[in-house]
Amino acid sequence: MAERTQRSITVDAPSTRVMDVIADFDAYPTWVSAAKSVEVLATGADGRAERVKFVLDAGMVKDTYELSYQWAPDGSSVSWELVSGDMQKSQTGSYSLSDNADGGTEVTYELAVDLNIPMIGLFKRKAEKVITDTALKELKKRVEG
């Protein structure tokens, strides 16, 4: 796959709290501005979502897609990949959490998206940057709020 966009933010909360918010897909429409609906389609033996369907509306970008999730047993990360999508032909991403000495968490978000429509790499990276920046800011606000 093509290069990935990576962004980080520090959240003033322990990593377990951050991961609980990331894993609570049912609540996404209340704090993720572009999420119109989110539905967990399958869960694993640990109770975490394995397949999730998203309906997003971010103004000019609207999409319905399913992601498959893999959760690190120690709670330090989650990664996903696209199962199917209307506008996307591939998506891979991850959140990695690292505890700070002050009790906060460094959250790193990596994302790579390929669309079914041609897009110049520069514009694609810029879109990924906006997506990752927005996601991290919304996550920080939700966890700290």
N, C-alpha and C. Protein backbone atom coordinates (compact mmCIF):
# COMPACT_ATOMS: atom_id res chain seq x y z
N MET A 1 0.84 -1.18 0.00
CA MET A 1 0.00 0.00 0.00
C MET A 1 0.88 1.23 0.00
N ALA A 2 0.30 2.34 -0.41
CA ALA A 2 0.99 3.62 -0.48
C ALA A 2 1.38 4.08 0.92
N GLU A 3 2.11 5.20 0.95
CA GLU A 3 2.53 5.74 2.24
C GLU A 3 1.35 6.07 3.13
N ARG A 4 1.64 6.10 4.43
CA ARG A 4 0.60 6.35 5.43
C ARG A 4 0.80 7.74 6.03
N THR A 5 -0.30 8.31 6.49
CA THR A 5 -0.25 9.56 7.23
C THR A 5 -0.23 9.20 8.71
N GLN A 6 0.65 9.84 9.47
CA GLN A 6 0.75 9.57 10.91
C GLN A 6 0.70 10.89 11.66
N ARG A 7 -0.17 10.94 12.68
CA ARG A 7 -0.31 12.12 13.54
C ARG A 7 -0.41 11.64 14.98
N SER A 8 -0.01 12.52 15.92
CA SER A 8 -0.07 12.17 17.34
C SER A 8 -0.64 13.33 18.14
N ILE A 9 -1.18 12.99 19.31
CA ILE A 9 -1.70 13.98 20.25
C ILE A 9 -1.56 13.40 21.65
N THR A 10 -1.43 14.28 22.63
CA THR A 10 -1.38 13.84 24.02
C THR A 10 -2.75 14.08 24.64
N VAL A 11 -3.29 13.04 25.28
CA VAL A 11 -4.59 13.10 25.94
C VAL A 11 -4.36 13.01 27.44
N ASP A 12 -5.02 13.88 28.18
CA ASP A 12 -4.84 13.93 29.63
C ASP A 12 -5.76 12.90 30.30
N ALA A 13 -5.42 11.64 30.11
CA ALA A 13 -6.17 10.51 30.68
C ALA A 13 -5.33 9.25 30.50
N PRO A 14 -5.55 8.24 31.33
CA PRO A 14 -4.81 6.99 31.17
C PRO A 14 -5.21 6.27 29.88
N SER A 15 -4.30 5.46 29.37
CA SER A 15 -4.54 4.77 28.09
C SER A 15 -5.76 3.87 28.13
N THR A 16 -6.08 3.29 29.29
CA THR A 16 -7.26 2.42 29.36
C THR A 16 -8.54 3.22 29.07
N ARG A 17 -8.61 4.44 29.56
CA ARG A 17 -9.77 5.31 29.31
C ARG A 17 -9.83 5.68 27.82
N VAL A 18 -8.68 6.00 27.24
CA VAL A 18 -8.64 6.36 25.82
C VAL A 18 -9.12 5.18 24.97
N MET A 19 -8.61 3.98 25.27
CA MET A 19 -9.00 2.80 24.48
C MET A 19 -10.48 2.48 24.67
N ASP A 20 -11.01 2.69 25.87
CA ASP A 20 -12.45 2.47 26.09
C ASP A 20 -13.29 3.37 25.19
N VAL A 21 -12.87 4.62 25.02
CA VAL A 21 -13.60 5.55 24.14
C VAL A 21 -13.47 5.11 22.68
N ILE A 22 -12.26 4.72 22.27
CA ILE A 22 -12.05 4.25 20.89
C ILE A 22 -12.92 3.03 20.61
N ALA A 23 -13.05 2.14 21.57
CA ALA A 23 -13.78 0.88 21.37
C ALA A 23 -15.30 1.02 21.47
N ASP A 24 -15.80 2.15 21.96
CA ASP A 24 -17.24 2.36 22.15
C ASP A 24 -17.87 2.90 20.87
N PHE A 25 -17.98 2.04 19.86
CA PHE A 25 -18.48 2.45 18.55
C PHE A 25 -19.92 2.98 18.60
N ASP A 26 -20.74 2.44 19.49
CA ASP A 26 -22.13 2.89 19.59
C ASP A 26 -22.22 4.38 19.90
N ALA A 27 -21.22 4.92 20.60
CA ALA A 27 -21.24 6.34 20.97
C ALA A 27 -20.65 7.25 19.90
N TYR A 28 -20.01 6.72 18.87
CA TYR A 28 -19.36 7.56 17.87
C TYR A 28 -20.25 8.66 17.31
N PRO A 29 -21.50 8.38 16.95
CA PRO A 29 -22.31 9.47 16.37
C PRO A 29 -22.52 10.65 17.31
N THR A 30 -22.29 10.48 18.61
CA THR A 30 -22.45 11.60 19.55
C THR A 30 -21.22 12.50 19.63
N TRP A 31 -20.05 12.01 19.16
CA TRP A 31 -18.85 12.83 19.26
C TRP A 31 -17.98 12.88 18.01
N VAL A 32 -18.21 12.01 17.05
CA VAL A 32 -17.48 12.05 15.78
C VAL A 32 -18.37 12.80 14.80
N SER A 33 -17.98 14.03 14.45
CA SER A 33 -18.86 14.91 13.69
C SER A 33 -19.32 14.31 12.35
N ALA A 34 -18.48 13.55 11.68
CA ALA A 34 -18.85 13.01 10.37
C ALA A 34 -19.64 11.70 10.45
N ALA A 35 -19.68 11.06 11.61
CA ALA A 35 -20.34 9.75 11.75
C ALA A 35 -21.85 9.92 11.88
N LYS A 36 -22.56 9.51 10.85
CA LYS A 36 -24.03 9.58 10.89
C LYS A 36 -24.61 8.33 11.55
N SER A 37 -23.98 7.17 11.31
CA SER A 37 -24.36 5.95 12.02
C SER A 37 -23.17 5.00 12.05
N VAL A 38 -23.11 4.24 13.14
CA VAL A 38 -22.05 3.25 13.33
C VAL A 38 -22.71 2.02 13.93
N GLU A 39 -22.47 0.87 13.30
CA GLU A 39 -23.12 -0.37 13.74
C GLU A 39 -22.08 -1.49 13.87
N VAL A 40 -21.99 -2.08 15.05
CA VAL A 40 -21.10 -3.22 15.26
C VAL A 40 -21.79 -4.45 14.65
N LEU A 41 -21.13 -5.08 13.70
CA LEU A 41 -21.70 -6.23 13.00
C LEU A 41 -21.26 -7.56 13.60
N ALA A 42 -20.07 -7.58 14.23
CA ALA A 42 -19.56 -8.81 14.83
C ALA A 42 -18.60 -8.44 15.96
N THR A 43 -18.63 -9.26 17.02
CA THR A 43 -17.70 -9.06 18.13
C THR A 43 -16.90 -10.33 18.36
N GLY A 44 -15.73 -10.17 18.96
CA GLY A 44 -14.88 -11.30 19.26
C GLY A 44 -15.18 -11.86 20.64
N ALA A 45 -14.45 -12.89 21.02
CA ALA A 45 -14.64 -13.54 22.31
C ALA A 45 -14.37 -12.58 23.47
N ASP A 46 -13.53 -11.57 23.23
CA ASP A 46 -13.21 -10.59 24.27
C ASP A 46 -14.26 -9.48 24.38
N GLY A 47 -15.29 -9.54 23.53
CA GLY A 47 -16.35 -8.54 23.56
C GLY A 47 -16.07 -7.31 22.71
N ARG A 48 -14.89 -7.21 22.16
CA ARG A 48 -14.52 -6.07 21.31
C ARG A 48 -15.06 -6.27 19.90
N ALA A 49 -15.34 -5.17 19.24
CA ALA A 49 -15.86 -5.22 17.88
C ALA A 49 -14.82 -5.79 16.93
N GLU A 50 -15.27 -6.68 16.05
CA GLU A 50 -14.40 -7.23 15.01
C GLU A 50 -14.75 -6.66 13.64
N ARG A 51 -16.05 -6.39 13.40
CA ARG A 51 -16.50 -5.77 12.15
C ARG A 51 -17.48 -4.67 12.48
N VAL A 52 -17.27 -3.51 11.84
CA VAL A 52 -18.09 -2.35 12.12
C VAL A 52 -18.45 -1.67 10.80
N LYS A 53 -19.73 -1.28 10.70
CA LYS A 53 -20.23 -0.55 9.52
C LYS A 53 -20.38 0.92 9.88
N PHE A 54 -19.85 1.78 9.02
CA PHE A 54 -19.90 3.23 9.20
C PHE A 54 -20.68 3.89 8.07
N VAL A 55 -21.47 4.88 8.40
CA VAL A 55 -22.05 5.78 7.42
C VAL A 55 -21.54 7.16 7.77
N LEU A 56 -20.71 7.72 6.88
CA LEU A 56 -20.09 9.01 7.13
C LEU A 56 -20.61 10.06 6.16
N ASP A 57 -20.72 11.27 6.68
CA ASP A 57 -21.06 12.43 5.86
C ASP A 57 -20.21 13.58 6.34
N ALA A 58 -19.14 13.85 5.60
CA ALA A 58 -18.22 14.94 5.94
C ALA A 58 -18.32 16.02 4.87
N GLY A 59 -19.56 16.45 4.59
CA GLY A 59 -19.76 17.47 3.57
C GLY A 59 -19.62 16.89 2.18
N MET A 60 -18.50 17.21 1.52
CA MET A 60 -18.30 16.73 0.15
C MET A 60 -18.00 15.23 0.10
N VAL A 61 -17.58 14.67 1.21
CA VAL A 61 -17.23 13.25 1.25
C VAL A 61 -18.30 12.49 2.03
N LYS A 62 -18.96 11.57 1.33
CA LYS A 62 -19.96 10.70 1.95
C LYS A 62 -19.58 9.27 1.59
N ASP A 63 -19.68 8.38 2.57
CA ASP A 63 -19.31 6.99 2.30
C ASP A 63 -19.97 6.06 3.30
N THR A 64 -20.24 4.85 2.85
CA THR A 64 -20.68 3.76 3.70
C THR A 64 -19.66 2.66 3.52
N TYR A 65 -19.12 2.15 4.63
CA TYR A 65 -18.07 1.15 4.53
C TYR A 65 -18.02 0.29 5.78
N GLU A 66 -17.35 -0.87 5.66
CA GLU A 66 -17.14 -1.79 6.78
C GLU A 66 -15.65 -1.96 7.02
N LEU A 67 -15.29 -1.98 8.32
CA LEU A 67 -13.91 -2.21 8.71
C LEU A 67 -13.81 -3.45 9.57
N SER A 68 -12.67 -4.14 9.46
CA SER A 68 -12.34 -5.29 10.30
C SER A 68 -11.25 -4.85 11.28
N TYR A 69 -11.47 -5.13 12.57
CA TYR A 69 -10.57 -4.66 13.64
C TYR A 69 -9.77 -5.78 14.28
N GLN A 70 -8.54 -5.45 14.67
CA GLN A 70 -7.67 -6.34 15.44
C GLN A 70 -7.18 -5.55 16.65
N TRP A 71 -7.46 -6.08 17.84
CA TRP A 71 -7.13 -5.41 19.10
C TRP A 71 -5.93 -6.08 19.75
N ALA A 72 -4.95 -5.29 20.17
CA ALA A 72 -3.79 -5.83 20.90
C ALA A 72 -4.28 -6.33 22.25
N PRO A 73 -3.88 -7.54 22.65
CA PRO A 73 -4.33 -8.10 23.93
C PRO A 73 -4.00 -7.22 25.14
N ASP A 74 -2.90 -6.46 25.06
CA ASP A 74 -2.52 -5.61 26.20
C ASP A 74 -3.19 -4.24 26.17
N GLY A 75 -4.06 -3.99 25.18
CA GLY A 75 -4.79 -2.73 25.13
C GLY A 75 -4.00 -1.55 24.62
N SER A 76 -2.80 -1.80 24.07
CA SER A 76 -1.94 -0.70 23.64
C SER A 76 -2.22 -0.22 22.22
N SER A 77 -2.98 -1.00 21.44
CA SER A 77 -3.23 -0.58 20.07
C SER A 77 -4.44 -1.30 19.49
N VAL A 78 -4.95 -0.71 18.41
CA VAL A 78 -5.99 -1.33 17.61
C VAL A 78 -5.68 -0.97 16.16
N SER A 79 -5.87 -1.94 15.27
CA SER A 79 -5.66 -1.67 13.85
C SER A 79 -6.88 -2.16 13.08
N TRP A 80 -7.02 -1.65 11.87
CA TRP A 80 -8.19 -2.03 11.06
C TRP A 80 -7.84 -2.01 9.60
N GLU A 81 -8.71 -2.67 8.83
CA GLU A 81 -8.60 -2.62 7.37
C GLU A 81 -10.00 -2.68 6.78
N LEU A 82 -10.10 -2.15 5.58
CA LEU A 82 -11.38 -2.08 4.88
C LEU A 82 -11.82 -3.47 4.44
N VAL A 83 -13.10 -3.78 4.71
CA VAL A 83 -13.72 -5.00 4.21
C VAL A 83 -14.46 -4.67 2.92
N SER A 84 -15.24 -3.60 2.94
CA SER A 84 -15.97 -3.15 1.76
C SER A 84 -16.32 -1.68 1.93
N GLY A 85 -16.48 -0.99 0.80
CA GLY A 85 -16.81 0.43 0.86
C GLY A 85 -17.38 0.91 -0.45
N ASP A 86 -18.15 1.98 -0.39
CA ASP A 86 -18.71 2.56 -1.60
C ASP A 86 -17.66 3.39 -2.34
N MET A 87 -16.99 4.29 -1.63
CA MET A 87 -16.00 5.18 -2.26
C MET A 87 -14.56 4.70 -2.12
N GLN A 88 -14.30 3.87 -1.12
CA GLN A 88 -12.93 3.44 -0.84
C GLN A 88 -12.64 2.09 -1.45
N LYS A 89 -11.42 1.94 -1.97
CA LYS A 89 -11.01 0.60 -2.40
C LYS A 89 -10.08 -0.03 -1.37
N SER A 90 -9.48 0.81 -0.51
CA SER A 90 -8.71 0.25 0.62
C SER A 90 -8.59 1.30 1.71
N GLN A 91 -8.47 0.81 2.94
CA GLN A 91 -8.19 1.65 4.09
C GLN A 91 -7.50 0.78 5.13
N THR A 92 -6.38 1.25 5.61
CA THR A 92 -5.73 0.61 6.75
C THR A 92 -5.42 1.72 7.74
N GLY A 93 -5.53 1.38 9.01
CA GLY A 93 -5.26 2.38 10.02
C GLY A 93 -4.98 1.75 11.36
N SER A 94 -4.55 2.59 12.30
CA SER A 94 -4.31 2.11 13.65
C SER A 94 -4.25 3.27 14.62
N TYR A 95 -4.59 2.96 15.86
CA TYR A 95 -4.33 3.82 17.01
C TYR A 95 -3.35 3.07 17.88
N SER A 96 -2.26 3.74 18.26
CA SER A 96 -1.29 3.18 19.20
C SER A 96 -1.24 4.10 20.41
N LEU A 97 -1.32 3.52 21.60
CA LEU A 97 -1.35 4.29 22.84
C LEU A 97 -0.09 4.03 23.65
N SER A 98 0.45 5.11 24.22
CA SER A 98 1.64 4.99 25.05
C SER A 98 1.44 5.86 26.29
N ASP A 99 1.53 5.23 27.46
CA ASP A 99 1.37 5.96 28.72
C ASP A 99 2.54 6.91 28.95
N ASN A 100 2.20 8.12 29.40
CA ASN A 100 3.22 9.11 29.78
C ASN A 100 3.42 9.06 31.29
N ALA A 101 4.56 9.55 31.75
CA ALA A 101 4.89 9.56 33.19
C ALA A 101 3.89 10.40 33.99
N ASP A 102 3.27 11.40 33.37
CA ASP A 102 2.34 12.29 34.08
C ASP A 102 0.91 11.74 34.13
N GLY A 103 0.70 10.52 33.66
CA GLY A 103 -0.63 9.92 33.69
C GLY A 103 -1.42 10.12 32.42
N GLY A 104 -0.88 10.87 31.48
CA GLY A 104 -1.53 11.07 30.19
C GLY A 104 -1.17 9.98 29.21
N THR A 105 -1.68 10.11 28.00
CA THR A 105 -1.45 9.09 26.97
C THR A 105 -1.08 9.77 25.66
N GLU A 106 -0.02 9.28 25.04
CA GLU A 106 0.34 9.71 23.69
C GLU A 106 -0.42 8.80 22.73
N VAL A 107 -1.27 9.39 21.90
CA VAL A 107 -2.08 8.65 20.94
C VAL A 107 -1.53 8.91 19.55
N THR A 108 -1.15 7.85 18.85
CA THR A 108 -0.65 7.97 17.48
C THR A 108 -1.65 7.29 16.55
N TYR A 109 -2.07 8.04 15.53
CA TYR A 109 -3.05 7.57 14.56
C TYR A 109 -2.36 7.48 13.21
N GLU A 110 -2.40 6.30 12.60
CA GLU A 110 -1.86 6.10 11.26
C GLU A 110 -3.02 5.75 10.34
N LEU A 111 -2.99 6.29 9.12
CA LEU A 111 -4.07 6.06 8.17
C LEU A 111 -3.56 6.09 6.75
N ALA A 112 -4.05 5.15 5.95
CA ALA A 112 -3.82 5.15 4.50
C ALA A 112 -5.15 4.77 3.84
N VAL A 113 -5.58 5.60 2.91
CA VAL A 113 -6.86 5.39 2.23
C VAL A 113 -6.62 5.48 0.73
N ASP A 114 -7.21 4.56 -0.02
CA ASP A 114 -7.24 4.64 -1.48
C ASP A 114 -8.69 4.65 -1.90
N LEU A 115 -9.02 5.59 -2.78
CA LEU A 115 -10.40 5.75 -3.24
C LEU A 115 -10.61 5.09 -4.59
N ASN A 116 -11.87 4.86 -4.90
CA ASN A 116 -12.23 4.29 -6.19
C ASN A 116 -12.11 5.32 -7.31
N ILE A 117 -11.98 6.59 -6.95
CA ILE A 117 -11.79 7.64 -7.95
C ILE A 117 -10.33 8.07 -7.92
N PRO A 118 -9.77 8.42 -9.07
CA PRO A 118 -8.37 8.86 -9.09
C PRO A 118 -8.18 10.13 -8.28
N MET A 119 -7.07 10.19 -7.53
CA MET A 119 -6.76 11.38 -6.74
C MET A 119 -5.25 11.54 -6.69
N ILE A 120 -4.79 12.75 -6.94
CA ILE A 120 -3.36 13.04 -6.88
C ILE A 120 -2.86 12.79 -5.45
N GLY A 121 -1.71 12.17 -5.34
CA GLY A 121 -1.15 11.80 -4.04
C GLY A 121 -1.09 12.94 -3.05
N LEU A 122 -0.72 14.13 -3.52
CA LEU A 122 -0.64 15.29 -2.65
C LEU A 122 -1.99 15.61 -2.01
N PHE A 123 -3.06 15.54 -2.79
CA PHE A 123 -4.40 15.82 -2.28
C PHE A 123 -4.86 14.71 -1.33
N LYS A 124 -4.48 13.48 -1.65
CA LYS A 124 -4.85 12.35 -0.79
C LYS A 124 -4.18 12.48 0.58
N ARG A 125 -2.90 12.81 0.60
CA ARG A 125 -2.19 13.00 1.87
C ARG A 125 -2.80 14.14 2.67
N LYS A 126 -3.18 15.22 1.98
CA LYS A 126 -3.78 16.36 2.66
C LYS A 126 -5.12 15.96 3.28
N ALA A 127 -5.91 15.18 2.55
CA ALA A 127 -7.20 14.69 3.07
C ALA A 127 -6.97 13.79 4.28
N GLU A 128 -5.98 12.89 4.20
CA GLU A 128 -5.67 12.01 5.33
C GLU A 128 -5.23 12.83 6.54
N LYS A 129 -4.46 13.90 6.32
CA LYS A 129 -4.01 14.76 7.42
C LYS A 129 -5.21 15.41 8.10
N VAL A 130 -6.15 15.91 7.31
CA VAL A 130 -7.36 16.53 7.89
C VAL A 130 -8.15 15.50 8.68
N ILE A 131 -8.30 14.30 8.13
CA ILE A 131 -9.05 13.22 8.80
C ILE A 131 -8.38 12.85 10.13
N THR A 132 -7.06 12.64 10.10
CA THR A 132 -6.37 12.22 11.33
C THR A 132 -6.35 13.34 12.36
N ASP A 133 -6.11 14.58 11.93
CA ASP A 133 -6.12 15.71 12.87
C ASP A 133 -7.48 15.86 13.53
N THR A 134 -8.53 15.81 12.72
CA THR A 134 -9.89 15.95 13.25
C THR A 134 -10.22 14.82 14.21
N ALA A 135 -9.88 13.59 13.81
CA ALA A 135 -10.18 12.43 14.67
C ALA A 135 -9.47 12.54 16.01
N LEU A 136 -8.21 12.93 16.00
CA LEU A 136 -7.46 13.04 17.26
C LEU A 136 -8.02 14.15 18.15
N LYS A 137 -8.36 15.28 17.56
CA LYS A 137 -8.92 16.38 18.35
C LYS A 137 -10.27 15.99 18.95
N GLU A 138 -11.11 15.31 18.16
CA GLU A 138 -12.42 14.88 18.68
C GLU A 138 -12.25 13.82 19.77
N LEU A 139 -11.29 12.90 19.59
CA LEU A 139 -11.02 11.89 20.61
C LEU A 139 -10.54 12.55 21.91
N LYS A 140 -9.62 13.47 21.81
CA LYS A 140 -9.10 14.18 22.98
C LYS A 140 -10.24 14.89 23.72
N LYS A 141 -11.08 15.59 22.98
CA LYS A 141 -12.19 16.32 23.58
C LYS A 141 -13.15 15.36 24.28
N ARG A 142 -13.44 14.22 23.64
CA ARG A 142 -14.36 13.24 24.23
C ARG A 142 -13.78 12.63 25.51
N VAL A 143 -12.52 12.22 25.46
CA VAL A 143 -11.90 11.57 26.63
C VAL A 143 -11.75 12.56 27.77
N GLU A 144 -11.30 13.75 27.48
CA GLU A 144 -11.04 14.74 28.54
C GLU A 144 -12.31 15.44 29.00
N GLY A 145 -13.36 15.38 28.16
CA GLY A 145 -14.62 16.08 28.49
C GLY A 145 -15.36 15.38 29.56
